């Protein structure tokens, strides 16, 4: 190559780099200018509104509304956290707060104790489910919002608080010392048969992996050699806790999840760093449509390594990672910074928030665009729509009468009265109300309002509405009225027809009065279709192993 050509190429390359750099610099500067310009416009607008608007405005409230409206255009996980909400956000991520250790709520009759947590001040001093809160210290809380009452109950650990409640016809007072409350990630674990352990993991806040580890060690000490890990209705949480839980069952040095975003500092690969606690124990993981985020990392990673059989229903499909960014004046923003990819290489994010929304609808990844990936054993798995179970278990549905009895608090109220007249009951897994007690419940309902519309009644009502718009309605009116008369439900008959499911719901509610949250979970496992299916797989090793091989797909 002659010198002139070399010189030309050198000049051309340098020129290309300079021009590219110039346009990159210009593009960046244009974006920075656009940001600065719009921030200035926004600030000016708020100032002018405050000066000229006919009524007084609250700048904090107005700006917060504006910020939230802006973030709604992105995704539901990118959120603004003003200073006054920082404490609640900290509870969500750490599971810790200072208080009395009780869940409160409003059942239409004032604020009541919904659930005292075992071992914490509220339960220790004798507060019970359904106690109606009257006063906190010297402040009357009758008629106050639940959030306001919750704020009054919370406070620094080791501070005193007085609570007055109404229990039946009695008014009682309790002196409590607030404590640091740590909400359990594992609210219950135990044996479901002589060989099978069960662990309910409800969240992924700080210490979740240690709680699972300790539960598994205890169960193994009791002779358990099979495991059910229940991630149903677990919305997720901390990614590092999910990685540590996977590490309990996967050898050291294996990839668990990879996060990839726009900035280099959010790109990270989580790997197993410790010797597993048990890399052989057969595992069934239960998932459903409310299992999300960190739950999907645990379920997906163990599925990708063919380490567990997944039973239940397709998970939520949240493959996005959030990072908390500090803002001015102690505010924060939780912002989506990356997507995560599990060992097979798939991202299970089901909704594409980057796509333009039409008519307010979000874009779901269509089946035709979902890509195939393979597990360690070669089983086919798909991306783009959550984690699909290896064995489907249909969702349990309840009759309208059951929904009505729960919604109108009749189940709750009867359980409260039952507990006041029965000092003790048998253990949660064995307890069930007797035939006589169910008859007492039916009599107790007499005169109480719990009306509802059955599915068939709704269909007939819809038919009537459509038929009335037709010219020949008068000709078929008599037949429709005859159908209506036949399908009109009898509440008394429904109490007999749906007795089995009503008795189960009622029994679990009664158990909570004696054994609290742990007891309710244990009682709920009786006749749980997903748990029964898990036991079926775990009791037949060949069937369990067959699921984990490529030949099953």
Protein backbone atom coordinates (compact mmCIF):
# COMPACT_ATOMS: atom_id res chain seq x y z
CA UNK A 1 0.00 0.00 0.00
CA UNK A 2 1.53 3.36 -1.03
CA UNK A 3 2.03 6.24 1.38
CA UNK A 4 -0.73 8.41 -0.17
CA UNK A 5 -3.36 5.67 0.31
CA UNK A 6 -2.21 5.03 3.91
CA UNK A 7 -2.42 8.75 4.61
CA UNK A 8 -5.92 8.94 3.10
CA UNK A 9 -7.17 5.97 5.16
CA UNK A 10 -5.69 7.43 8.35
CA UNK A 11 -7.35 10.78 7.75
CA UNK A 12 -10.64 9.03 6.86
CA UNK A 13 -10.63 6.93 10.06
CA UNK A 14 -9.75 9.92 12.26
CA UNK A 15 -12.44 11.97 10.56
CA UNK A 16 -15.02 9.24 11.05
CA UNK A 17 -14.18 8.94 14.76
CA UNK A 18 -14.30 12.72 15.25
CA UNK A 19 -17.61 13.05 13.38
CA UNK A 20 -19.15 10.09 15.31
CA UNK A 21 -17.93 11.56 18.56
CA UNK A 22 -19.35 14.93 17.62
CA UNK A 23 -22.80 13.53 16.88
CA UNK A 24 -22.73 11.37 20.02
CA UNK A 25 -21.72 14.43 22.04
CA UNK A 26 -24.40 16.51 20.32
CA UNK A 27 -27.06 13.84 20.91
CA UNK A 28 -26.14 13.62 24.59
CA UNK A 29 -26.13 17.41 24.92
CA UNK A 30 -29.49 17.65 23.14
CA UNK A 31 -30.99 15.17 25.62
CA UNK A 32 -29.51 17.01 28.61
CA UNK A 33 -30.86 20.29 27.25
CA UNK A 34 -34.32 18.74 26.75
CA UNK A 35 -34.31 17.44 30.35
CA UNK A 36 -33.20 20.80 31.75
CA UNK A 37 -35.73 22.70 29.63
CA UNK A 38 -38.68 20.55 30.69
CA UNK A 39 -37.69 20.60 34.37
CA UNK A 40 -37.59 24.40 34.17
CA UNK A 41 -41.01 24.49 32.48
CA UNK A 42 -42.44 22.19 35.16
CA UNK A 43 -40.99 24.26 38.03
CA UNK A 44 -42.23 27.51 36.45
CA UNK A 45 -45.72 26.04 35.96
CA UNK A 46 -45.99 24.98 39.63
CA UNK A 47 -44.86 28.44 40.78
CA UNK A 48 -47.37 30.20 38.54
CA UNK A 49 -50.18 27.86 39.62
CA UNK A 50 -49.37 28.63 43.23
CA UNK A 51 -49.48 32.36 42.48
CA UNK A 52 -52.45 32.66 40.15
CA UNK A 53 -54.77 29.65 40.58
CA UNK A 54 -58.13 30.74 42.01
CA UNK A 55 -57.98 28.31 44.95
CA UNK A 56 -55.12 27.38 47.24
CA UNK A 57 -53.03 24.43 46.02
CA UNK A 58 -50.80 22.01 47.89
CA UNK A 59 -47.47 21.97 45.98
CA UNK A 60 -46.34 18.69 47.58
CA UNK A 61 -49.54 16.93 46.61
CA UNK A 62 -49.64 18.43 43.12
CA UNK A 63 -46.02 17.57 42.31
CA UNK A 64 -46.40 14.03 43.68
CA UNK A 65 -49.43 13.51 41.43
CA UNK A 66 -47.42 14.80 38.47
CA UNK A 67 -44.46 12.53 39.23
CA UNK A 68 -46.69 9.47 39.64
CA UNK A 69 -48.52 10.23 36.39
CA UNK A 70 -45.16 10.45 34.60
CA UNK A 71 -43.93 7.14 36.06
CA UNK A 72 -47.17 5.40 35.07
CA UNK A 73 -46.01 5.76 31.47
CA UNK A 74 -43.08 3.42 32.20
CA UNK A 75 -43.96 0.34 34.26
CA UNK A 76 -45.79 -0.33 37.55
CA UNK A 77 -42.54 -1.12 39.38
CA UNK A 78 -40.87 2.26 38.86
CA UNK A 79 -42.31 4.28 41.72
CA UNK A 80 -41.72 7.48 43.68
CA UNK A 81 -41.31 7.18 47.45
CA UNK A 82 -41.66 10.52 49.27
CA UNK A 83 -39.93 10.96 52.63
CA UNK A 84 -43.10 10.27 54.64
CA UNK A 85 -43.47 6.83 52.99
CA UNK A 86 -39.84 5.78 53.48
CA UNK A 87 -40.58 3.89 56.71
CA UNK A 88 -43.28 1.77 55.02
CA UNK A 89 -40.93 1.05 52.12
CA UNK A 90 -38.22 -0.04 54.54
CA UNK A 91 -40.68 -2.49 56.15
CA UNK A 92 -41.46 -3.93 52.71
CA UNK A 93 -37.81 -4.57 51.88
CA UNK A 94 -36.47 -5.60 55.29
CA UNK A 95 -39.55 -7.00 57.01
CA UNK A 96 -38.61 -4.99 60.11
CA UNK A 97 -40.38 -2.26 62.08
CA UNK A 98 -40.90 -1.12 65.65
CA UNK A 99 -44.33 -1.95 67.01
CA UNK A 100 -46.60 -4.42 68.80
CA UNK A 101 -46.62 -7.21 66.20
CA UNK A 102 -50.22 -7.35 65.02
CA UNK A 103 -52.01 -7.00 61.70
CA UNK A 104 -54.99 -4.68 62.00
CA UNK A 105 -57.85 -4.00 59.64
CA UNK A 106 -61.41 -2.75 59.33
CA UNK A 107 -64.25 -5.25 59.08
CA UNK A 108 -66.97 -2.61 58.89
CA UNK A 109 -67.29 -2.47 62.67
CA UNK A 110 -64.20 -0.42 63.42
CA UNK A 111 -60.50 -1.26 63.47
CA UNK A 112 -59.82 -4.70 64.88
CA UNK A 113 -56.95 -7.09 65.44
CA UNK A 114 -56.87 -9.30 62.33
CA UNK A 115 -53.84 -11.37 63.35
CA UNK A 116 -51.41 -11.09 66.28
CA UNK A 117 -48.00 -12.48 65.27
CA UNK A 118 -46.77 -15.33 67.44
CA UNK A 119 -44.18 -14.40 70.06
CA UNK A 120 -44.56 -10.63 69.75
CA UNK A 121 -46.04 -8.15 72.28
CA UNK A 122 -49.68 -8.17 71.09
CA UNK A 123 -49.94 -11.95 71.32
CA UNK A 124 -47.84 -12.19 74.46
CA UNK A 125 -50.08 -9.85 76.52
CA UNK A 126 -53.24 -11.61 75.36
CA UNK A 127 -54.69 -9.49 72.54
CA UNK A 128 -56.90 -11.67 70.36
CA UNK A 129 -58.27 -11.76 66.84
CA UNK A 130 -61.43 -9.61 66.55
CA UNK A 131 -60.54 -7.33 69.47
CA UNK A 132 -61.89 -3.90 68.49
CA UNK A 133 -59.41 -1.06 69.05
CA UNK A 134 -60.82 1.84 71.10
CA UNK A 135 -57.75 3.79 72.25
CA UNK A 136 -54.01 3.93 71.67
CA UNK A 137 -52.40 5.69 74.62
CA UNK A 138 -54.73 8.67 75.20
CA UNK A 139 -55.96 8.91 71.60
CA UNK A 140 -59.39 7.57 70.67
CA UNK A 141 -59.10 5.57 67.44
CA UNK A 142 -62.82 4.99 66.94
CA UNK A 143 -63.61 6.04 63.38
CA UNK A 144 -59.99 6.64 62.44
CA UNK A 145 -58.45 5.31 59.22
CA UNK A 146 -56.59 2.01 59.64
CA UNK A 147 -53.35 3.60 58.39
CA UNK A 148 -53.58 6.26 61.11
CA UNK A 149 -54.13 3.63 63.82
CA UNK A 150 -51.18 1.64 62.49
CA UNK A 151 -48.97 4.73 62.75
CA UNK A 152 -50.00 5.23 66.38
CA UNK A 153 -49.15 1.62 67.23
CA UNK A 154 -45.69 1.82 65.67
CA UNK A 155 -42.75 3.47 67.38
CA UNK A 156 -39.19 2.93 68.59
CA UNK A 157 -38.41 -0.42 70.21
CA UNK A 158 -38.58 -0.52 74.04
CA UNK A 159 -41.14 2.29 74.28
CA UNK A 160 -44.44 1.78 76.13
CA UNK A 161 -47.89 1.92 74.58
CA UNK A 162 -51.35 1.47 76.11
CA UNK A 163 -54.11 -0.18 74.07
CA UNK A 164 -57.79 -0.32 75.00
CA UNK A 165 -60.03 -2.79 73.17
CA UNK A 166 -63.59 -4.04 73.18
CA UNK A 167 -63.99 -7.83 73.33
CA UNK A 168 -67.61 -8.87 73.18
CA UNK A 169 -69.30 -6.90 75.96
CA UNK A 170 -66.05 -6.26 77.84
CA UNK A 171 -63.67 -3.31 77.64
CA UNK A 172 -60.06 -4.32 78.34
CA UNK A 173 -56.78 -2.43 78.65
CA UNK A 174 -53.27 -3.68 77.87
CA UNK A 175 -49.85 -2.19 78.52
CA UNK A 176 -47.31 -3.24 75.91
CA UNK A 177 -43.63 -2.60 75.25
CA UNK A 178 -42.92 -2.10 71.58
CA UNK A 179 -40.30 -4.35 70.06
CA UNK A 180 -38.37 -4.60 66.84
CA UNK A 181 -40.77 -6.66 64.76
CA UNK A 182 -39.28 -8.93 62.13
CA UNK A 183 -41.94 -10.38 59.83
CA UNK A 184 -41.16 -14.01 59.06
CA UNK A 185 -40.43 -15.00 55.49
CA UNK A 186 -41.21 -18.60 56.49
CA UNK A 187 -44.44 -18.32 58.50
CA UNK A 188 -44.79 -22.12 58.72
CA UNK A 189 -42.91 -25.34 58.08
CA UNK A 190 -43.59 -28.90 59.14
CA UNK A 191 -44.07 -32.50 58.05
CA UNK A 192 -47.00 -33.46 55.83
CA UNK A 193 -46.21 -37.15 56.18
CA UNK A 194 -43.46 -39.26 57.74
CA UNK A 195 -40.99 -38.55 54.90
CA UNK A 196 -42.09 -35.24 53.38
CA UNK A 197 -41.29 -31.78 54.68
CA UNK A 198 -43.20 -28.64 53.75
CA UNK A 199 -41.87 -25.07 53.81
CA UNK A 200 -44.10 -22.06 53.14
CA UNK A 201 -42.03 -19.12 51.88
CA UNK A 202 -44.21 -16.00 51.71
CA UNK A 203 -41.63 -13.25 50.98
CA UNK A 204 -37.99 -12.58 50.08
CA UNK A 205 -37.00 -9.91 52.59
CA UNK A 206 -33.73 -9.86 54.55
CA UNK A 207 -32.86 -13.26 56.07
CA UNK A 208 -35.26 -15.29 53.89
CA UNK A 209 -32.53 -17.74 52.86
CA UNK A 210 -31.45 -18.33 56.47
CA UNK A 211 -35.05 -19.04 57.46
CA UNK A 212 -35.40 -21.60 54.66
CA UNK A 213 -32.03 -23.13 55.57
CA UNK A 214 -32.93 -23.45 59.24
CA UNK A 215 -36.34 -24.91 58.42
CA UNK A 216 -34.77 -27.49 56.11
CA UNK A 217 -32.14 -28.46 58.70
CA UNK A 218 -34.86 -28.94 61.33
CA UNK A 219 -36.99 -31.03 58.96
CA UNK A 220 -34.02 -33.20 57.97
CA UNK A 221 -33.37 -33.73 61.68
CA UNK A 222 -36.94 -35.07 61.91
CA UNK A 223 -36.23 -37.67 59.23
CA UNK A 224 -37.53 -35.80 56.18
CA UNK A 225 -36.03 -36.97 52.88
CA UNK A 226 -38.44 -35.22 50.47
CA UNK A 227 -39.40 -31.55 50.27
CA UNK A 228 -42.29 -29.34 49.15
CA UNK A 229 -41.33 -25.66 48.83
CA UNK A 230 -44.47 -23.53 48.57
CA UNK A 231 -43.97 -20.26 46.62
CA UNK A 232 -47.64 -19.68 45.85
CA UNK A 233 -48.74 -16.05 46.26
CA UNK A 234 -45.15 -15.00 46.99
CA UNK A 235 -44.62 -11.62 45.24
CA UNK A 236 -40.82 -11.78 45.45
CA UNK A 237 -38.28 -9.40 46.92
CA UNK A 238 -34.50 -9.43 47.23
CA UNK A 239 -32.62 -11.16 44.39
CA UNK A 240 -29.65 -12.08 46.59
CA UNK A 241 -31.97 -13.97 48.96
CA UNK A 242 -33.38 -15.92 46.00
CA UNK A 243 -29.83 -16.77 44.89
CA UNK A 244 -28.92 -18.02 48.38
CA UNK A 245 -32.00 -20.27 48.45
CA UNK A 246 -31.10 -21.80 45.10
CA UNK A 247 -27.58 -22.36 46.47
CA UNK A 248 -29.07 -24.66 49.15
CA UNK A 249 -29.76 -27.22 46.42
CA UNK A 250 -27.28 -26.50 43.58
CA UNK A 251 -23.49 -27.19 43.58
CA UNK A 252 -20.98 -24.38 44.04
CA UNK A 253 -19.97 -22.34 40.96
CA UNK A 254 -23.26 -22.59 39.02
CA UNK A 255 -24.98 -19.59 37.46
CA UNK A 256 -28.30 -18.73 39.10
CA UNK A 257 -29.47 -15.53 37.46
CA UNK A 258 -27.98 -12.78 35.31
CA UNK A 259 -29.14 -9.15 35.35
CA UNK A 260 -28.62 -7.06 32.22
CA UNK A 261 -29.46 -3.37 31.88
CA UNK A 262 -28.43 -0.15 30.14
CA UNK A 263 -25.62 0.68 32.55
CA UNK A 264 -22.62 -1.54 33.19
CA UNK A 265 -22.93 -1.30 36.97
CA UNK A 266 -26.31 -3.09 36.97
CA UNK A 267 -25.01 -6.03 34.95
CA UNK A 268 -24.26 -8.85 37.33
CA UNK A 269 -24.16 -12.64 37.36
CA UNK A 270 -25.25 -14.37 40.56
CA UNK A 271 -23.55 -17.73 41.08
CA UNK A 272 -23.65 -20.33 43.80
CA UNK A 273 -20.74 -19.59 46.14
CA UNK A 274 -21.20 -22.22 48.86
CA UNK A 275 -21.42 -25.96 49.22
CA UNK A 276 -25.13 -26.88 48.96
CA UNK A 277 -27.03 -28.05 52.01
CA UNK A 278 -28.60 -30.94 50.07
CA UNK A 279 -28.08 -31.54 46.35
CA UNK A 280 -30.00 -34.84 46.26
CA UNK A 281 -33.28 -34.38 48.16
CA UNK A 282 -36.27 -34.58 45.75
CA UNK A 283 -38.02 -31.20 45.61
CA UNK A 284 -41.46 -30.13 44.43
CA UNK A 285 -42.03 -26.37 44.12
CA UNK A 286 -45.58 -25.05 44.19
CA UNK A 287 -46.26 -21.91 42.11
CA UNK A 288 -49.29 -20.00 40.90
CA UNK A 289 -50.24 -16.83 39.03
CA UNK A 290 -49.17 -14.70 42.02
CA UNK A 291 -45.67 -16.15 42.29
CA UNK A 292 -43.44 -13.36 40.97
CA UNK A 293 -39.94 -11.94 40.70
CA UNK A 294 -37.61 -13.67 43.21
CA UNK A 295 -40.09 -16.57 43.41
CA UNK A 296 -39.69 -17.05 39.68
CA UNK A 297 -35.89 -16.93 39.97
CA UNK A 298 -35.94 -19.78 42.52
CA UNK A 299 -38.51 -21.84 40.63
CA UNK A 300 -36.99 -21.12 37.22
CA UNK A 301 -33.39 -21.81 38.20
CA UNK A 302 -34.25 -25.12 39.87
CA UNK A 303 -36.36 -26.04 36.84
CA UNK A 304 -33.52 -25.13 34.46
CA UNK A 305 -31.13 -27.40 36.37
CA UNK A 306 -33.80 -30.16 36.47
CA UNK A 307 -33.44 -30.04 40.23
CA UNK A 308 -37.14 -29.70 41.11
CA UNK A 309 -40.56 -30.56 39.70
CA UNK A 310 -42.85 -27.52 39.46
CA UNK A 311 -46.53 -28.04 40.23
CA UNK A 312 -49.40 -25.55 40.06
CA UNK A 313 -50.11 -22.80 37.54
CA UNK A 314 -48.06 -20.46 35.37
CA UNK A 315 -46.31 -17.77 37.40
CA UNK A 316 -46.83 -14.02 37.11
CA UNK A 317 -44.04 -13.24 34.63
CA UNK A 318 -41.96 -10.46 36.21
CA UNK A 319 -38.46 -10.51 34.78
CA UNK A 320 -37.55 -6.95 35.76
CA UNK A 321 -35.06 -5.81 38.41
CA UNK A 322 -35.54 -2.67 40.51
CA UNK A 323 -32.92 -0.50 42.21
CA UNK A 324 -33.66 2.12 44.86
CA UNK A 325 -32.14 5.52 44.01
CA UNK A 326 -31.92 8.30 46.66
CA UNK A 327 -33.43 11.66 45.68
CA UNK A 328 -33.34 15.12 47.23
CA UNK A 329 -34.99 15.79 50.61
CA UNK A 330 -34.86 12.11 51.70
CA UNK A 331 -37.19 10.98 48.92
CA UNK A 332 -36.40 7.85 46.91
CA UNK A 333 -37.27 6.27 43.61
CA UNK A 334 -37.55 2.57 42.96
CA UNK A 335 -36.58 2.25 39.31
CA UNK A 336 -36.43 -0.64 36.88
CA UNK A 337 -32.78 -0.90 35.89
CA UNK A 338 -32.41 -4.35 34.33
CA UNK A 339 -34.00 -7.57 33.16
CA UNK A 340 -32.99 -10.88 34.63
CA UNK A 341 -32.19 -14.11 32.81
CA UNK A 342 -32.22 -17.53 34.45
CA UNK A 343 -29.67 -20.32 33.67
CA UNK A 344 -31.30 -21.59 30.46
CA UNK A 345 -30.96 -18.05 29.07
CA UNK A 346 -34.63 -17.15 29.14
CA UNK A 347 -36.21 -13.98 30.46
CA UNK A 348 -39.68 -14.68 31.79
CA UNK A 349 -41.01 -11.09 31.57
CA UNK A 350 -44.58 -11.39 30.25
CA UNK A 351 -45.43 -7.75 29.49
CA UNK A 352 -43.47 -5.50 27.16
CA UNK A 353 -43.84 -2.05 28.74
CA UNK A 354 -41.63 -0.47 26.05
CA UNK A 355 -44.25 -1.07 23.36
CA UNK A 356 -46.78 1.62 22.53
CA UNK A 357 -50.04 1.02 24.33
CA UNK A 358 -53.21 1.16 22.30
CA UNK A 359 -56.49 2.05 24.02
CA UNK A 360 -54.71 1.86 27.36
CA UNK A 361 -53.90 -1.83 26.90
CA UNK A 362 -50.49 -3.27 27.72
CA UNK A 363 -48.60 -5.46 25.29
CA UNK A 364 -48.24 -9.11 26.23
CA UNK A 365 -45.60 -11.18 24.47
CA UNK A 366 -47.56 -13.33 21.97
CA UNK A 367 -46.99 -17.10 21.95
CA UNK A 368 -45.68 -16.88 18.39
CA UNK A 369 -42.75 -14.72 19.54
CA UNK A 370 -41.79 -16.79 22.57
CA UNK A 371 -38.40 -18.44 22.13
CA UNK A 372 -37.40 -21.97 23.04
CA UNK A 373 -34.63 -22.75 25.51
CA UNK A 374 -33.44 -25.98 27.07
CA UNK A 375 -32.93 -27.16 30.61
CA UNK A 376 -29.81 -29.07 31.69
CA UNK A 377 -31.44 -32.36 30.64
CA UNK A 378 -32.65 -30.95 27.34
CA UNK A 379 -36.27 -30.27 28.24
CA UNK A 380 -37.85 -27.46 26.20
CA UNK A 381 -38.86 -24.32 28.12
CA UNK A 382 -40.13 -21.00 26.78
CA UNK A 383 -39.41 -17.37 27.63
CA UNK A 384 -41.70 -14.36 27.75
CA UNK A 385 -44.64 -15.51 29.89
CA UNK A 386 -43.61 -16.54 33.36
CA UNK A 387 -42.54 -19.97 34.59
CA UNK A 388 -44.75 -22.79 33.39
CA UNK A 389 -45.22 -25.70 35.80
CA UNK A 390 -44.27 -29.25 34.87
CA UNK A 391 -47.65 -30.43 36.16
CA UNK A 392 -50.75 -28.21 35.99
CA UNK A 393 -53.17 -28.01 38.92
CA UNK A 394 -56.34 -26.07 38.21
CA UNK A 395 -57.27 -23.14 40.43
CA UNK A 396 -59.69 -23.93 43.24
CA UNK A 397 -62.95 -22.06 42.74
CA UNK A 398 -65.55 -21.37 45.39
CA UNK A 399 -69.32 -21.09 45.21
CA UNK A 400 -70.88 -17.60 45.40
CA UNK A 401 -72.36 -18.43 48.81
CA UNK A 402 -68.85 -19.04 50.19
CA UNK A 403 -67.62 -15.68 48.88
CA UNK A 404 -70.66 -13.95 50.40
CA UNK A 405 -70.21 -15.57 53.83
CA UNK A 406 -66.56 -14.48 53.90
CA UNK A 407 -67.12 -10.99 52.47
CA UNK A 408 -69.89 -10.21 54.98
CA UNK A 409 -67.65 -11.44 57.85
CA UNK A 410 -70.08 -14.19 58.91
CA UNK A 411 -67.31 -16.81 58.84
CA UNK A 412 -65.05 -14.45 60.81
CA UNK A 413 -67.69 -13.57 63.40
CA UNK A 414 -68.85 -17.14 63.99
CA UNK A 415 -65.24 -18.28 64.47
CA UNK A 416 -64.79 -15.54 67.09
CA UNK A 417 -67.90 -16.61 68.99
CA UNK A 418 -66.88 -20.27 68.72
CA UNK A 419 -63.48 -19.56 70.26
CA UNK A 420 -65.04 -17.70 73.20
CA UNK A 421 -67.08 -20.76 74.13
CA UNK A 422 -64.45 -23.42 73.39
CA UNK A 423 -61.26 -23.10 75.47
CA UNK A 424 -59.24 -25.39 73.20
CA UNK A 425 -59.36 -27.52 70.04
CA UNK A 426 -57.27 -30.34 68.60
CA UNK A 427 -54.20 -29.63 66.45
CA UNK A 428 -54.70 -27.69 63.18
CA UNK A 429 -54.20 -30.59 60.76
CA UNK A 430 -56.86 -32.69 62.50
CA UNK A 431 -59.46 -30.09 63.45
CA UNK A 432 -62.75 -29.92 61.60
CA UNK A 433 -66.11 -28.74 62.87
CA UNK A 434 -68.60 -31.50 63.57
CA UNK A 435 -71.98 -32.00 61.90
CA UNK A 436 -73.71 -30.57 64.96
CA UNK A 437 -71.44 -27.52 64.94
CA UNK A 438 -72.16 -26.92 61.27
CA UNK A 439 -75.88 -27.12 62.02
CA UNK A 440 -75.31 -24.52 64.75
CA UNK A 441 -73.62 -22.29 62.17
CA UNK A 442 -76.58 -22.65 59.80
CA UNK A 443 -79.00 -21.68 62.60
CA UNK A 444 -76.71 -18.80 63.58
CA UNK A 445 -77.00 -17.45 60.02
CA UNK A 446 -80.77 -17.24 60.28
CA UNK A 447 -81.82 -13.62 59.81
CA UNK A 448 -78.36 -12.48 58.72
CA UNK A 449 -77.83 -10.88 55.30
CA UNK A 450 -75.66 -12.78 52.85
CA UNK A 451 -77.49 -12.51 49.56
CA UNK A 452 -75.63 -13.27 46.34
CA UNK A 453 -76.16 -14.15 42.71
CA UNK A 454 -75.21 -17.60 41.44
CA UNK A 455 -73.41 -18.02 38.12
CA UNK A 456 -76.54 -19.55 36.58
CA UNK A 457 -78.74 -16.71 37.81
CA UNK A 458 -76.37 -14.18 36.28
CA UNK A 459 -76.50 -16.01 32.96
CA UNK A 460 -80.32 -16.01 32.99
CA UNK A 461 -80.35 -12.30 33.90
CA UNK A 462 -78.02 -11.60 30.98
CA UNK A 463 -80.31 -13.63 28.73
CA UNK A 464 -83.31 -11.59 29.89
CA UNK A 465 -81.52 -8.30 29.22
CA UNK A 466 -80.61 -9.37 25.69
CA UNK A 467 -84.08 -10.83 24.99
CA UNK A 468 -85.87 -7.63 26.08
CA UNK A 469 -84.19 -5.82 23.19
CA UNK A 470 -85.70 -8.22 20.65
CA UNK A 471 -89.03 -7.59 18.94
CA UNK A 472 -90.32 -11.09 19.80
CA UNK A 473 -89.58 -10.79 23.55
CA UNK A 474 -93.29 -11.01 24.47
CA UNK A 475 -93.50 -14.38 22.72
CA UNK A 476 -90.69 -15.94 24.79
CA UNK A 477 -91.20 -14.00 28.05
CA UNK A 478 -93.17 -16.82 29.69
CA UNK A 479 -90.46 -19.40 28.94
CA UNK A 480 -87.73 -17.10 30.33
CA UNK A 481 -89.72 -16.47 33.51
CA UNK A 482 -90.16 -20.25 33.91
CA UNK A 483 -86.39 -20.73 33.61
CA UNK A 484 -85.84 -17.96 36.15
CA UNK A 485 -88.14 -19.62 38.63
CA UNK A 486 -86.32 -22.92 38.30
CA UNK A 487 -82.82 -21.52 38.75
CA UNK A 488 -83.59 -19.06 41.57
CA UNK A 489 -81.29 -20.27 44.27
CA UNK A 490 -82.21 -21.39 47.73
CA UNK A 491 -79.68 -20.22 50.30
CA UNK A 492 -80.70 -23.07 52.56
CA UNK A 493 -80.05 -25.59 49.79
CA UNK A 494 -76.69 -23.98 48.92
CA UNK A 495 -75.62 -24.38 52.56
CA UNK A 496 -76.15 -28.12 52.07
CA UNK A 497 -74.80 -28.39 48.52
CA UNK A 498 -71.58 -26.51 49.30
CA UNK A 499 -71.24 -27.74 52.86
CA UNK A 500 -67.80 -29.31 52.33
CA UNK A 501 -66.05 -26.13 51.17
CA UNK A 502 -67.87 -23.91 53.69
CA UNK A 503 -66.86 -26.26 56.52
CA UNK A 504 -63.22 -26.14 55.39
CA UNK A 505 -63.17 -22.32 55.26
CA UNK A 506 -64.90 -22.12 58.63
CA UNK A 507 -62.58 -24.69 60.23
CA UNK A 508 -59.47 -22.81 59.06
CA UNK A 509 -60.85 -19.55 60.46
CA UNK A 510 -61.57 -21.20 63.81
CA UNK A 511 -58.06 -22.69 63.89
CA UNK A 512 -56.60 -19.18 63.57
CA UNK A 513 -58.14 -18.20 66.91
CA UNK A 514 -55.99 -20.80 68.66
CA UNK A 515 -52.90 -21.29 66.46
CA UNK A 516 -52.74 -17.96 64.59
CA UNK A 517 -51.12 -17.67 61.14
CA UNK A 518 -49.06 -20.85 61.49
CA UNK A 519 -52.14 -22.87 62.32
CA UNK A 520 -54.16 -21.48 59.43
CA UNK A 521 -51.45 -22.50 56.98
CA UNK A 522 -51.15 -25.99 58.48
CA UNK A 523 -54.94 -26.45 58.40
CA UNK A 524 -55.13 -25.25 54.78
CA UNK A 525 -52.83 -28.06 53.62
CA UNK A 526 -55.55 -30.64 54.30
CA UNK A 527 -57.14 -31.54 50.95
CA UNK A 528 -54.96 -28.99 49.12
CA UNK A 529 -54.96 -30.24 45.48
CA UNK A 530 -51.43 -28.97 44.76
CA UNK A 531 -49.99 -30.50 47.94
CA UNK A 532 -51.75 -33.78 47.20
CA UNK A 533 -50.31 -33.79 43.68
CA UNK A 534 -46.85 -33.04 45.08
CA UNK A 535 -47.12 -36.00 47.48
CA UNK A 536 -48.23 -38.17 44.58
CA UNK A 537 -45.08 -37.33 42.60
CA UNK A 538 -42.72 -37.58 45.55
CA UNK A 539 -44.07 -40.98 46.57
CA UNK A 540 -43.36 -42.45 43.12
CA UNK A 541 -39.63 -41.88 42.38
CA UNK A 542 -39.87 -43.15 38.78
CA UNK A 543 -42.69 -40.71 38.02
CA UNK A 544 -40.74 -37.88 39.64
CA UNK A 545 -37.57 -38.63 37.63
CA UNK A 546 -39.50 -39.07 34.39
CA UNK A 547 -40.71 -35.47 34.60
CA UNK A 548 -37.10 -34.26 34.85
CA UNK A 549 -35.96 -35.94 31.64
CA UNK A 550 -36.07 -34.58 28.12
CA UNK A 551 -38.22 -37.49 26.92
CA UNK A 552 -41.22 -36.04 28.76
CA UNK A 553 -41.37 -33.01 26.47
